[in-house]
C-alpha cells in the first residue's frame, strides 16, 4: 500500500528464522527476521516504528541483495 515501509535483504543468503508475525507492532531497529549467509547470521531490522503487514519470504527461502522481504505500515505520529 502507498506509504508502506519496505524491508529488504542486505545480502544473498537464506531466511533462517522469522521473528515477527504479520499484525505485530515493531519498533525501529527491532529485528524482523534473521538471514544466514556464509554461516553468518544477519538481522533484517525495522527502519522505523510500524505494524508488520506481511513477509514476502518464509524460513528456508533464498534471498538476493535488495530483495523485498517484509512490508510494514508506519505508525501514525
PDB file of N, CA and C in Angstrom:
ATOM      1  N   UNK A   1       0.819  -1.215   0.000  1.00  0.00           N
ATOM      2  CA  UNK A   1       0.000   0.000   0.000  1.00  0.00           C
ATOM      3  C   UNK A   1       0.855   1.268   0.000  1.00  0.00           C
ATOM      4  N   UNK A   2       0.293   2.340  -0.467  1.00  0.00           N
ATOM      5  CA  UNK A   2       1.022   3.609  -0.517  1.00  0.00           C
ATOM      6  C   UNK A   2       1.454   4.015   0.881  1.00  0.00           C
ATOM      7  N   UNK A   3       2.690   4.485   0.993  1.00  0.00           N
ATOM      8  CA  UNK A   3       3.238   4.916   2.272  1.00  0.00           C
ATOM      9  C   UNK A   3       3.842   3.792   3.091  1.00  0.00           C
ATOM     10  N   UNK A   4       3.820   2.575   2.564  1.00  0.00           N
ATOM     11  CA  UNK A   4       4.382   1.434   3.298  1.00  0.00           C
ATOM     12  C   UNK A   4       5.894   1.517   3.353  1.00  0.00           C
ATOM     13  N   UNK A   5       6.449   0.874   4.368  1.00  0.00           N
ATOM     14  CA  UNK A   5       7.896   0.758   4.518  1.00  0.00           C
ATOM     15  C   UNK A   5       8.305  -0.616   4.017  1.00  0.00           C
ATOM     16  N   UNK A   6       9.350  -0.667   3.221  1.00  0.00           N
ATOM     17  CA  UNK A   6       9.829  -1.929   2.674  1.00  0.00           C
ATOM     18  C   UNK A   6      11.131  -2.317   3.359  1.00  0.00           C
ATOM     19  N   UNK A   7      11.197  -3.537   3.852  1.00  0.00           N
ATOM     20  CA  UNK A   7      12.436  -4.064   4.440  1.00  0.00           C
ATOM     21  C   UNK A   7      13.047  -4.995   3.408  1.00  0.00           C
ATOM     22  N   UNK A   8      14.326  -4.785   3.104  1.00  0.00           N
ATOM     23  CA  UNK A   8      14.964  -5.613   2.082  1.00  0.00           C
ATOM     24  C   UNK A   8      16.155  -6.374   2.642  1.00  0.00           C
ATOM     25  N   UNK A   9      16.571  -7.367   1.870  1.00  0.00           N
ATOM     26  CA  UNK A   9      17.702  -8.193   2.264  1.00  0.00           C
ATOM     27  C   UNK A   9      19.005  -7.460   1.978  1.00  0.00           C
ATOM     28  N   UNK A  10      19.902  -7.385   2.967  1.00  0.00           N
ATOM     29  CA  UNK A  10      21.183  -6.727   2.724  1.00  0.00           C
ATOM     30  C   UNK A  10      22.203  -7.644   2.037  1.00  0.00           C
ATOM     31  N   UNK A  11      21.911  -8.952   1.979  1.00  0.00           N
ATOM     32  CA  UNK A  11      22.870  -9.924   1.454  1.00  0.00           C
ATOM     33  C   UNK A  11      22.160 -11.023   0.675  1.00  0.00           C
ATOM     34  N   UNK A  12      22.952 -11.805  -0.061  1.00  0.00           N
ATOM     35  CA  UNK A  12      22.450 -13.048  -0.645  1.00  0.00           C
ATOM     36  C   UNK A  12      22.567 -14.129   0.418  1.00  0.00           C
ATOM     37  N   UNK A  13      21.549 -14.929   0.543  1.00  0.00           N
ATOM     38  CA  UNK A  13      21.570 -15.996   1.540  1.00  0.00           C
ATOM     39  C   UNK A  13      20.223 -16.660   1.621  1.00  0.00           C
ATOM     40  N   UNK A  14      19.864 -17.107   2.827  1.00  0.00           N
ATOM     41  CA  UNK A  14      18.569 -17.736   3.029  1.00  0.00           C
ATOM     42  C   UNK A  14      17.956 -17.247   4.328  1.00  0.00           C
ATOM     43  N   UNK A  15      16.637 -17.333   4.394  1.00  0.00           N
ATOM     44  CA  UNK A  15      15.914 -16.941   5.602  1.00  0.00           C
ATOM     45  C   UNK A  15      16.095 -18.058   6.616  1.00  0.00           C
ATOM     46  N   UNK A  16      16.707 -17.728   7.734  1.00  0.00           N
ATOM     47  CA  UNK A  16      16.964 -18.716   8.768  1.00  0.00           C
ATOM     48  C   UNK A  16      15.796 -18.778   9.749  1.00  0.00           C
ATOM     49  N   UNK A  17      15.321 -17.584  10.210  1.00  0.00           N
ATOM     50  CA  UNK A  17      14.255 -17.550  11.211  1.00  0.00           C
ATOM     51  C   UNK A  17      13.442 -16.272  11.049  1.00  0.00           C
ATOM     52  N   UNK A  18      12.122 -16.393  11.109  1.00  0.00           N
ATOM     53  CA  UNK A  18      11.221 -15.239  11.099  1.00  0.00           C
ATOM     54  C   UNK A  18      10.856 -14.965  12.551  1.00  0.00           C
ATOM     55  N   UNK A  19      11.085 -13.725  13.001  1.00  0.00           N
ATOM     56  CA  UNK A  19      10.911 -13.387  14.415  1.00  0.00           C
ATOM     57  C   UNK A  19       9.586 -12.697  14.728  1.00  0.00           C
ATOM     58  N   UNK A  20       9.007 -12.022  13.766  1.00  0.00           N
ATOM     59  CA  UNK A  20       7.762 -11.271  13.983  1.00  0.00           C
ATOM     60  C   UNK A  20       6.690 -11.778  13.025  1.00  0.00           C
ATOM     61  N   UNK A  21       5.440 -11.748  13.487  1.00  0.00           N
ATOM     62  CA  UNK A  21       4.309 -12.211  12.681  1.00  0.00           C
ATOM     63  C   UNK A  21       3.528 -11.008  12.145  1.00  0.00           C
ATOM     64  N   UNK A  22       2.890 -11.164  10.987  1.00  0.00           N
ATOM     65  CA  UNK A  22       2.032 -10.095  10.477  1.00  0.00           C
ATOM     66  C   UNK A  22       1.010  -9.669  11.536  1.00  0.00           C
ATOM     67  N   UNK A  23       0.807  -8.359  11.622  1.00  0.00           N
ATOM     68  CA  UNK A  23      -0.105  -7.793  12.613  1.00  0.00           C
ATOM     69  C   UNK A  23       0.606  -7.278  13.851  1.00  0.00           C
ATOM     70  N   UNK A  24       1.828  -7.739  14.087  1.00  0.00           N
ATOM     71  CA  UNK A  24       2.576  -7.278  15.255  1.00  0.00           C
ATOM     72  C   UNK A  24       3.088  -5.857  15.041  1.00  0.00           C
ATOM     73  N   UNK A  25       3.179  -5.111  16.138  1.00  0.00           N
ATOM     74  CA  UNK A  25       3.770  -3.783  16.122  1.00  0.00           C
ATOM     75  C   UNK A  25       5.255  -3.942  16.433  1.00  0.00           C
ATOM     76  N   UNK A  26       6.080  -3.232  15.663  1.00  0.00           N
ATOM     77  CA  UNK A  26       7.530  -3.308  15.861  1.00  0.00           C
ATOM     78  C   UNK A  26       8.097  -1.909  16.055  1.00  0.00           C
ATOM     79  N   UNK A  27       9.208  -1.849  16.742  1.00  0.00           N
ATOM     80  CA  UNK A  27       9.914  -0.588  16.979  1.00  0.00           C
ATOM     81  C   UNK A  27      11.087  -0.482  16.011  1.00  0.00           C
ATOM     82  N   UNK A  28      11.504   0.738  15.719  1.00  0.00           N
ATOM     83  CA  UNK A  28      12.669   0.968  14.860  1.00  0.00           C
ATOM     84  C   UNK A  28      13.872   0.224  15.421  1.00  0.00           C
ATOM     85  N   UNK A  29      14.583  -0.495  14.555  1.00  0.00           N
ATOM     86  CA  UNK A  29      15.763  -1.231  14.956  1.00  0.00           C
ATOM     87  C   UNK A  29      15.487  -2.638  15.460  1.00  0.00           C
ATOM     88  N   UNK A  30      14.218  -2.991  15.594  1.00  0.00           N
ATOM     89  CA  UNK A  30      13.854  -4.327  16.059  1.00  0.00           C
ATOM     90  C   UNK A  30      14.000  -5.329  14.906  1.00  0.00           C
ATOM     91  N   UNK A  31      14.566  -6.509  15.178  1.00  0.00           N
ATOM     92  CA  UNK A  31      14.739  -7.493  14.104  1.00  0.00           C
ATOM     93  C   UNK A  31      13.411  -8.130  13.691  1.00  0.00           C
ATOM     94  N   UNK A  32      13.203  -8.220  12.375  1.00  0.00           N
ATOM     95  CA  UNK A  32      12.014  -8.858  11.807  1.00  0.00           C
ATOM     96  C   UNK A  32      12.286 -10.323  11.495  1.00  0.00           C
ATOM     97  N   UNK A  33      13.507 -10.592  11.052  1.00  0.00           N
ATOM     98  CA  UNK A  33      13.915 -11.954  10.710  1.00  0.00           C
ATOM     99  C   UNK A  33      15.427 -12.027  10.721  1.00  0.00           C
ATOM    100  N   UNK A  34      15.934 -13.255  10.687  1.00  0.00           N
ATOM    101  CA  UNK A  34      17.375 -13.494  10.642  1.00  0.00           C
ATOM    102  C   UNK A  34      17.684 -14.215   9.330  1.00  0.00           C
ATOM    103  N   UNK A  35      18.654 -13.685   8.604  1.00  0.00           N
ATOM    104  CA  UNK A  35      19.136 -14.321   7.385  1.00  0.00           C
ATOM    105  C   UNK A  35      20.442 -15.042   7.696  1.00  0.00           C
ATOM    106  N   UNK A  36      20.740 -16.061   6.909  1.00  0.00           N
ATOM    107  CA  UNK A  36      22.008 -16.771   7.039  1.00  0.00           C
ATOM    108  C   UNK A  36      22.741 -16.628   5.720  1.00  0.00           C
ATOM    109  N   UNK A  37      23.991 -16.185   5.820  1.00  0.00           N
ATOM    110  CA  UNK A  37      24.829 -16.032   4.638  1.00  0.00           C
ATOM    111  C   UNK A  37      26.259 -16.374   5.031  1.00  0.00           C
ATOM    112  N   UNK A  38      26.827 -17.353   4.367  1.00  0.00           N
ATOM    113  CA  UNK A  38      28.198 -17.769   4.626  1.00  0.00           C
ATOM    114  C   UNK A  38      28.417 -18.065   6.111  1.00  0.00           C
ATOM    115  N   UNK A  39      27.458 -18.761   6.717  1.00  0.00           N
ATOM    116  CA  UNK A  39      27.497 -19.187   8.124  1.00  0.00           C
ATOM    117  C   UNK A  39      27.451 -18.019   9.107  1.00  0.00           C
ATOM    118  N   UNK A  40      27.010 -16.847   8.625  1.00  0.00           N
ATOM    119  CA  UNK A  40      26.826 -15.687   9.496  1.00  0.00           C
ATOM    120  C   UNK A  40      25.338 -15.395   9.614  1.00  0.00           C
ATOM    121  N   UNK A  41      24.904 -14.935  10.773  1.00  0.00           N
ATOM    122  CA  UNK A  41      23.517 -14.544  10.994  1.00  0.00           C
ATOM    123  C   UNK A  41      23.399 -13.041  10.818  1.00  0.00           C
ATOM    124  N   UNK A  42      22.517 -12.608   9.919  1.00  0.00           N
ATOM    125  CA  UNK A  42      22.340 -11.189   9.631  1.00  0.00           C
ATOM    126  C   UNK A  42      20.887 -10.816   9.890  1.00  0.00           C
ATOM    127  N   UNK A  43      20.622  -9.890  10.830  1.00  0.00           N
ATOM    128  CA  UNK A  43      19.236  -9.497  11.088  1.00  0.00           C
ATOM    129  C   UNK A  43      18.724  -8.514  10.023  1.00  0.00           C
ATOM    130  N   UNK A  44      17.435  -8.619   9.720  1.00  0.00           N
ATOM    131  CA  UNK A  44      16.737  -7.610   8.917  1.00  0.00           C
ATOM    132  C   UNK A  44      15.955  -6.791   9.932  1.00  0.00           C
ATOM    133  N   UNK A  45      16.232  -5.491  10.006  1.00  0.00           N
ATOM    134  CA  UNK A  45      15.677  -4.630  11.044  1.00  0.00           C
ATOM    135  C   UNK A  45      14.568  -3.727  10.510  1.00  0.00           C
ATOM    136  N   UNK A  46      13.619  -3.397  11.380  1.00  0.00           N
ATOM    137  CA  UNK A  46      12.592  -2.410  11.048  1.00  0.00           C
ATOM    138  C   UNK A  46      13.261  -1.039  10.975  1.00  0.00           C
ATOM    139  N   UNK A  47      12.965  -0.287   9.926  1.00  0.00           N
ATOM    140  CA  UNK A  47      13.592   1.029   9.756  1.00  0.00           C
ATOM    141  C   UNK A  47      12.943   2.100  10.632  1.00  0.00           C
ATOM    142  N   UNK A  48      11.688   1.887  11.022  1.00  0.00           N
ATOM    143  CA  UNK A  48      11.012   2.801  11.945  1.00  0.00           C
ATOM    144  C   UNK A  48       9.849   2.055  12.594  1.00  0.00           C
ATOM    145  N   UNK A  49       9.223   2.683  13.578  1.00  0.00           N
ATOM    146  CA  UNK A  49       8.093   2.057  14.259  1.00  0.00           C
ATOM    147  C   UNK A  49       6.978   1.803  13.256  1.00  0.00           C
ATOM    148  N   UNK A  50       6.331   0.640  13.374  1.00  0.00           N
ATOM    149  CA  UNK A  50       5.236   0.332  12.471  1.00  0.00           C
ATOM    150  C   UNK A  50       4.560  -0.977  12.804  1.00  0.00           C
ATOM    151  N   UNK A  51       3.591  -1.336  11.968  1.00  0.00           N
ATOM    152  CA  UNK A  51       2.893  -2.610  12.091  1.00  0.00           C
ATOM    153  C   UNK A  51       3.302  -3.475  10.909  1.00  0.00           C
ATOM    154  N   UNK A  52       3.694  -4.705  11.185  1.00  0.00           N
ATOM    155  CA  UNK A  52       4.105  -5.624  10.137  1.00  0.00           C
ATOM    156  C   UNK A  52       2.879  -6.065   9.348  1.00  0.00           C
ATOM    157  N   UNK A  53       2.874  -5.781   8.049  1.00  0.00           N
ATOM    158  CA  UNK A  53       1.759  -6.172   7.197  1.00  0.00           C
ATOM    159  C   UNK A  53       1.946  -7.573   6.637  1.00  0.00           C
ATOM    160  N   UNK A  54       3.151  -7.854   6.124  1.00  0.00           N
ATOM    161  CA  UNK A  54       3.390  -9.179   5.551  1.00  0.00           C
ATOM    162  C   UNK A  54       4.873  -9.443   5.367  1.00  0.00           C
ATOM    163  N   UNK A  55       5.194 -10.725   5.346  1.00  0.00           N
ATOM    164  CA  UNK A  55       6.519 -11.180   4.944  1.00  0.00           C
ATOM    165  C   UNK A  55       6.364 -11.721   3.529  1.00  0.00           C
ATOM    166  N   UNK A  56       7.317 -11.473   2.684  1.00  0.00           N
ATOM    167  CA  UNK A  56       7.287 -11.997   1.319  1.00  0.00           C
ATOM    168  C   UNK A  56       8.170 -13.228   1.152  1.00  0.00           C
ATOM    169  N   UNK A  57       8.728 -13.696   2.242  1.00  0.00           N
ATOM    170  CA  UNK A  57       9.579 -14.894   2.246  1.00  0.00           C
ATOM    171  C   UNK A  57       9.232 -15.719   3.474  1.00  0.00           C
ATOM    172  N   UNK A  58       9.692 -16.959   3.502  1.00  0.00           N
ATOM    173  CA  UNK A  58       9.472 -17.827   4.659  1.00  0.00           C
ATOM    174  C   UNK A  58      10.781 -18.528   4.988  1.00  0.00           C
ATOM    175  N   UNK A  59      10.876 -19.146   6.154  1.00  0.00           N
ATOM    176  CA  UNK A  59      12.123 -19.838   6.504  1.00  0.00           C
ATOM    177  C   UNK A  59      12.527 -20.823   5.402  1.00  0.00           C
ATOM    178  N   UNK A  60      13.816 -20.766   5.075  1.00  0.00           N
ATOM    179  CA  UNK A  60      14.358 -21.619   4.024  1.00  0.00           C
ATOM    180  C   UNK A  60      14.402 -20.960   2.657  1.00  0.00           C
ATOM    181  N   UNK A  61      13.678 -19.846   2.485  1.00  0.00           N
ATOM    182  CA  UNK A  61      13.674 -19.140   1.199  1.00  0.00           C
ATOM    183  C   UNK A  61      15.046 -18.558   0.899  1.00  0.00           C
ATOM    184  N   UNK A  62      15.461 -18.610  -0.355  1.00  0.00           N
ATOM    185  CA  UNK A  62      16.684 -17.945  -0.798  1.00  0.00           C
ATOM    186  C   UNK A  62      16.353 -16.475  -1.069  1.00  0.00           C
ATOM    187  N   UNK A  63      17.271 -15.581  -0.715  1.00  0.00           N
ATOM    188  CA  UNK A  63      17.089 -14.149  -0.953  1.00  0.00           C
ATOM    189  C   UNK A  63      18.324 -13.580  -1.649  1.00  0.00           C
ATOM    190  N   UNK A  64      18.109 -12.482  -2.348  1.00  0.00           N
ATOM    191  CA  UNK A  64      19.194 -11.780  -3.032  1.00  0.00           C
ATOM    192  C   UNK A  64      19.301 -10.374  -2.437  1.00  0.00           C
ATOM    193  N   UNK A  65      20.462  -9.721  -2.581  1.00  0.00           N
ATOM    194  CA  UNK A  65      20.602  -8.360  -2.054  1.00  0.00           C
ATOM    195  C   UNK A  65      19.554  -7.420  -2.668  1.00  0.00           C
ATOM    196  N   UNK A  66      18.886  -6.666  -1.811  1.00  0.00           N
ATOM    197  CA  UNK A  66      17.881  -5.711  -2.261  1.00  0.00           C
ATOM    198  C   UNK A  66      16.488  -6.289  -2.423  1.00  0.00           C
ATOM    199  N   UNK A  67      16.339  -7.595  -2.295  1.00  0.00           N
ATOM    200  CA  UNK A  67      15.020  -8.227  -2.423  1.00  0.00           C
ATOM    201  C   UNK A  67      14.129  -7.801  -1.253  1.00  0.00           C
ATOM    202  N   UNK A  68      12.892  -7.399  -1.544  1.00  0.00           N
ATOM    203  CA  UNK A  68      11.944  -7.020  -0.501  1.00  0.00           C
ATOM    204  C   UNK A  68      11.524  -8.279   0.253  1.00  0.00           C
ATOM    205  N   UNK A  69      11.704  -8.270   1.578  1.00  0.00           N
ATOM    206  CA  UNK A  69      11.362  -9.442   2.385  1.00  0.00           C
ATOM    207  C   UNK A  69      10.162  -9.193   3.301  1.00  0.00           C
ATOM    208  N   UNK A  70       9.910  -7.926   3.665  1.00  0.00           N
ATOM    209  CA  UNK A  70       8.798  -7.602   4.565  1.00  0.00           C
ATOM    210  C   UNK A  70       8.239  -6.226   4.221  1.00  0.00           C
ATOM    211  N   UNK A  71       6.949  -6.040   4.562  1.00  0.00           N
ATOM    212  CA  UNK A  71       6.297  -4.756   4.356  1.00  0.00           C
ATOM    213  C   UNK A  71       5.680  -4.327   5.672  1.00  0.00           C
ATOM    214  N   UNK A  72       5.927  -3.070   6.040  1.00  0.00           N
ATOM    215  CA  UNK A  72       5.404  -2.507   7.280  1.00  0.00           C
ATOM    216  C   UNK A  72       4.578  -1.267   6.978  1.00  0.00           C
ATOM    217  N   UNK A  73       3.599  -1.019   7.827  1.00  0.00           N
ATOM    218  CA  UNK A  73       2.796   0.209   7.775  1.00  0.00           C
ATOM    219  C   UNK A  73       3.295   1.107   8.888  1.00  0.00           C
ATOM    220  N   UNK A  74       3.758   2.326   8.558  1.00  0.00           N
ATOM    221  CA  UNK A  74       4.251   3.220   9.619  1.00  0.00           C
ATOM    222  C   UNK A  74       3.132   3.544  10.622  1.00  0.00           C
ATOM    223  N   UNK A  75       3.515   3.711  11.872  1.00  0.00           N
ATOM    224  CA  UNK A  75       2.537   4.129  12.897  1.00  0.00           C
ATOM    225  C   UNK A  75       2.295   5.616  12.745  1.00  0.00           C
ATOM    226  N   UNK A  76       1.070   6.020  13.011  1.00  0.00           N
ATOM    227  CA  UNK A  76       0.724   7.441  12.963  1.00  0.00           C
ATOM    228  C   UNK A  76       1.410   8.152  14.131  1.00  0.00           C
ATOM    229  N   UNK A  77       1.991   9.329  13.888  1.00  0.00           N
ATOM    230  CA  UNK A  77       2.663  10.043  14.983  1.00  0.00           C
ATOM    231  C   UNK A  77       1.701  10.539  16.040  1.00  0.00           C
TER     232      UNK A  77
END
